[in-house]
Amino acid sequence: MKQSESDQIVAAMQERGIPVTYVLYPDEGHGFGRPENALSFAAVAEAFPAEHLGGRLEPFGADLKGSSLVVVEGAEHVPGLAEAIAEPGR
């Protein structure tokens, strides 16, 4: 999916008051080539089933280290994400 298409989906969700967390990996394409990015995405995505299905959510720890993760929108919807991306050297 092109970023412009993702931008449109996020905007439509926001217009409807639907909470959204939007993350980008600028050095990736349609899949993950870098293990650091795949790990960080899995760590962020883990929050959805934890919140909506009642599962456990592990702290981020070093899961974001070395990834190119950019949180465009909605870090506040993922417990601990805002703090994790603010850590130096992540």
C-alpha atoms as a PDB file:
ATOM      1  CA  MET A   1       0.000   0.000   0.000  1.00  0.00           C
ATOM      2  CA  LYS A   2       1.275   3.453  -0.829  1.00  0.00           C
ATOM      3  CA  GLN A   3       1.744   5.912   1.993  1.00  0.00           C
ATOM      4  CA  SER A   4      -0.795   8.266   0.397  1.00  0.00           C
ATOM      5  CA  GLU A   5      -3.418   5.516   0.626  1.00  0.00           C
ATOM      6  CA  SER A   6      -2.557   4.890   4.264  1.00  0.00           C
ATOM      7  CA  ASP A   7      -2.780   8.629   4.918  1.00  0.00           C
ATOM      8  CA  GLN A   8      -6.317   8.638   3.469  1.00  0.00           C
ATOM      9  CA  ILE A   9      -7.419   5.704   5.622  1.00  0.00           C
ATOM     10  CA  VAL A  10      -6.028   7.346   8.763  1.00  0.00           C
ATOM     11  CA  ALA A  11      -7.735  10.651   7.908  1.00  0.00           C
ATOM     12  CA  ALA A  12     -11.074   8.886   7.351  1.00  0.00           C
ATOM     13  CA  MET A  13     -10.771   7.106  10.692  1.00  0.00           C
ATOM     14  CA  GLN A  14      -9.918  10.344  12.482  1.00  0.00           C
ATOM     15  CA  GLU A  15     -12.891  12.122  10.878  1.00  0.00           C
ATOM     16  CA  ARG A  16     -15.116   9.425  12.365  1.00  0.00           C
ATOM     17  CA  GLY A  17     -13.510   9.667  15.794  1.00  0.00           C
ATOM     18  CA  ILE A  18     -11.915   6.215  15.558  1.00  0.00           C
ATOM     19  CA  PRO A  19      -8.645   5.975  17.497  1.00  0.00           C
ATOM     20  CA  VAL A  20      -5.752   5.046  15.238  1.00  0.00           C
ATOM     21  CA  THR A  21      -2.064   4.417  15.696  1.00  0.00           C
ATOM     22  CA  TYR A  22      -0.189   5.039  12.451  1.00  0.00           C
ATOM     23  CA  VAL A  23       3.417   3.910  12.169  1.00  0.00           C
ATOM     24  CA  LEU A  24       5.799   4.046   9.232  1.00  0.00           C
ATOM     25  CA  TYR A  25       9.073   2.369   8.414  1.00  0.00           C
ATOM     26  CA  PRO A  26      10.668   4.690   5.833  1.00  0.00           C
ATOM     27  CA  ASP A  27      13.283   2.144   4.770  1.00  0.00           C
ATOM     28  CA  GLU A  28      10.784  -0.641   4.059  1.00  0.00           C
ATOM     29  CA  GLY A  29       8.402  -1.455   1.222  1.00  0.00           C
ATOM     30  CA  HIS A  30       5.495  -3.893   1.234  1.00  0.00           C
ATOM     31  CA  GLY A  31       7.178  -6.217   3.710  1.00  0.00           C
ATOM     32  CA  PHE A  32       9.900  -6.130   6.297  1.00  0.00           C
ATOM     33  CA  GLY A  33      13.436  -6.714   5.124  1.00  0.00           C
ATOM     34  CA  ARG A  34      15.095  -5.647   8.361  1.00  0.00           C
ATOM     35  CA  PRO A  35      14.539  -7.863  11.413  1.00  0.00           C
ATOM     36  CA  GLU A  36      14.678  -4.820  13.711  1.00  0.00           C
ATOM     37  CA  ASN A  37      11.668  -3.344  11.926  1.00  0.00           C
ATOM     38  CA  ALA A  38       9.706  -6.602  11.981  1.00  0.00           C
ATOM     39  CA  LEU A  39      10.325  -6.951  15.730  1.00  0.00           C
ATOM     40  CA  SER A  40       9.308  -3.382  16.493  1.00  0.00           C
ATOM     41  CA  PHE A  41       6.131  -3.715  14.412  1.00  0.00           C
ATOM     42  CA  ALA A  42       5.170  -6.913  16.233  1.00  0.00           C
ATOM     43  CA  ALA A  43       5.757  -5.193  19.578  1.00  0.00           C
ATOM     44  CA  VAL A  44       3.509  -2.266  18.618  1.00  0.00           C
ATOM     45  CA  ALA A  45       0.837  -4.498  17.047  1.00  0.00           C
ATOM     46  CA  GLU A  46       0.711  -6.684  20.165  1.00  0.00           C
ATOM     47  CA  ALA A  47      -1.152  -3.880  21.936  1.00  0.00           C
ATOM     48  CA  PHE A  48      -4.330  -4.309  19.869  1.00  0.00           C
ATOM     49  CA  PRO A  49      -5.235  -7.876  20.873  1.00  0.00           C
ATOM     50  CA  ALA A  50      -4.016  -7.215  24.404  1.00  0.00           C
ATOM     51  CA  GLU A  51      -6.461  -4.334  24.741  1.00  0.00           C
ATOM     52  CA  HIS A  52      -9.415  -5.782  22.841  1.00  0.00           C
ATOM     53  CA  LEU A  53      -9.128  -9.465  23.726  1.00  0.00           C
ATOM     54  CA  GLY A  54      -7.749  -9.075  27.227  1.00  0.00           C
ATOM     55  CA  GLY A  55      -4.320 -10.575  26.664  1.00  0.00           C
ATOM     56  CA  ARG A  56      -1.056  -9.577  28.256  1.00  0.00           C
ATOM     57  CA  LEU A  57       1.109  -6.801  26.890  1.00  0.00           C
ATOM     58  CA  GLU A  58       4.850  -7.085  27.340  1.00  0.00           C
ATOM     59  CA  PRO A  59       6.864  -3.892  27.946  1.00  0.00           C
ATOM     60  CA  PHE A  60       8.788  -2.688  24.897  1.00  0.00           C
ATOM     61  CA  GLY A  61      12.218  -3.145  26.428  1.00  0.00           C
ATOM     62  CA  ALA A  62      14.712  -3.184  23.524  1.00  0.00           C
ATOM     63  CA  ASP A  63      12.089  -4.130  20.890  1.00  0.00           C
ATOM     64  CA  LEU A  64      12.341  -0.771  19.110  1.00  0.00           C
ATOM     65  CA  LYS A  65      16.146  -0.579  19.157  1.00  0.00           C
ATOM     66  CA  GLY A  66      17.671  -0.181  15.704  1.00  0.00           C
ATOM     67  CA  SER A  67      14.318   0.062  13.932  1.00  0.00           C
ATOM     68  CA  SER A  68      13.364   2.917  11.636  1.00  0.00           C
ATOM     69  CA  LEU A  69       9.948   3.207  13.342  1.00  0.00           C
ATOM     70  CA  VAL A  70       8.248   6.587  12.929  1.00  0.00           C
ATOM     71  CA  VAL A  71       5.005   7.048  14.869  1.00  0.00           C
ATOM     72  CA  VAL A  72       2.992   9.470  12.759  1.00  0.00           C
ATOM     73  CA  GLU A  73      -0.145   9.400  14.872  1.00  0.00           C
ATOM     74  CA  GLY A  74      -1.589   7.814  17.972  1.00  0.00           C
ATOM     75  CA  ALA A  75       1.342   6.847  20.190  1.00  0.00           C
ATOM     76  CA  GLU A  76      -0.972   7.544  23.121  1.00  0.00           C
ATOM     77  CA  HIS A  77      -3.179   4.590  22.133  1.00  0.00           C
ATOM     78  CA  VAL A  78      -0.406   2.048  22.740  1.00  0.00           C
ATOM     79  CA  PRO A  79       0.618   1.727  26.386  1.00  0.00           C
ATOM     80  CA  GLY A  80       4.271   2.677  26.832  1.00  0.00           C
ATOM     81  CA  LEU A  81       4.887   3.602  23.184  1.00  0.00           C
ATOM     82  CA  ALA A  82       5.316   7.354  23.682  1.00  0.00           C
ATOM     83  CA  GLU A  83       7.848   6.720  26.429  1.00  0.00           C
ATOM     84  CA  ALA A  84       9.674   4.035  24.410  1.00  0.00           C
ATOM     85  CA  ILE A  85      10.111   6.220  21.318  1.00  0.00           C
ATOM     86  CA  ALA A  86      11.374   9.083  23.472  1.00  0.00           C
ATOM     87  CA  GLU A  87      14.212   6.977  24.913  1.00  0.00           C
ATOM     88  CA  PRO A  88      17.644   7.975  23.646  1.00  0.00           C
ATOM     89  CA  GLY A  89      19.350   5.338  21.516  1.00  0.00           C
ATOM     90  CA  ARG A  90      16.257   3.352  20.770  1.00  0.00           C
END
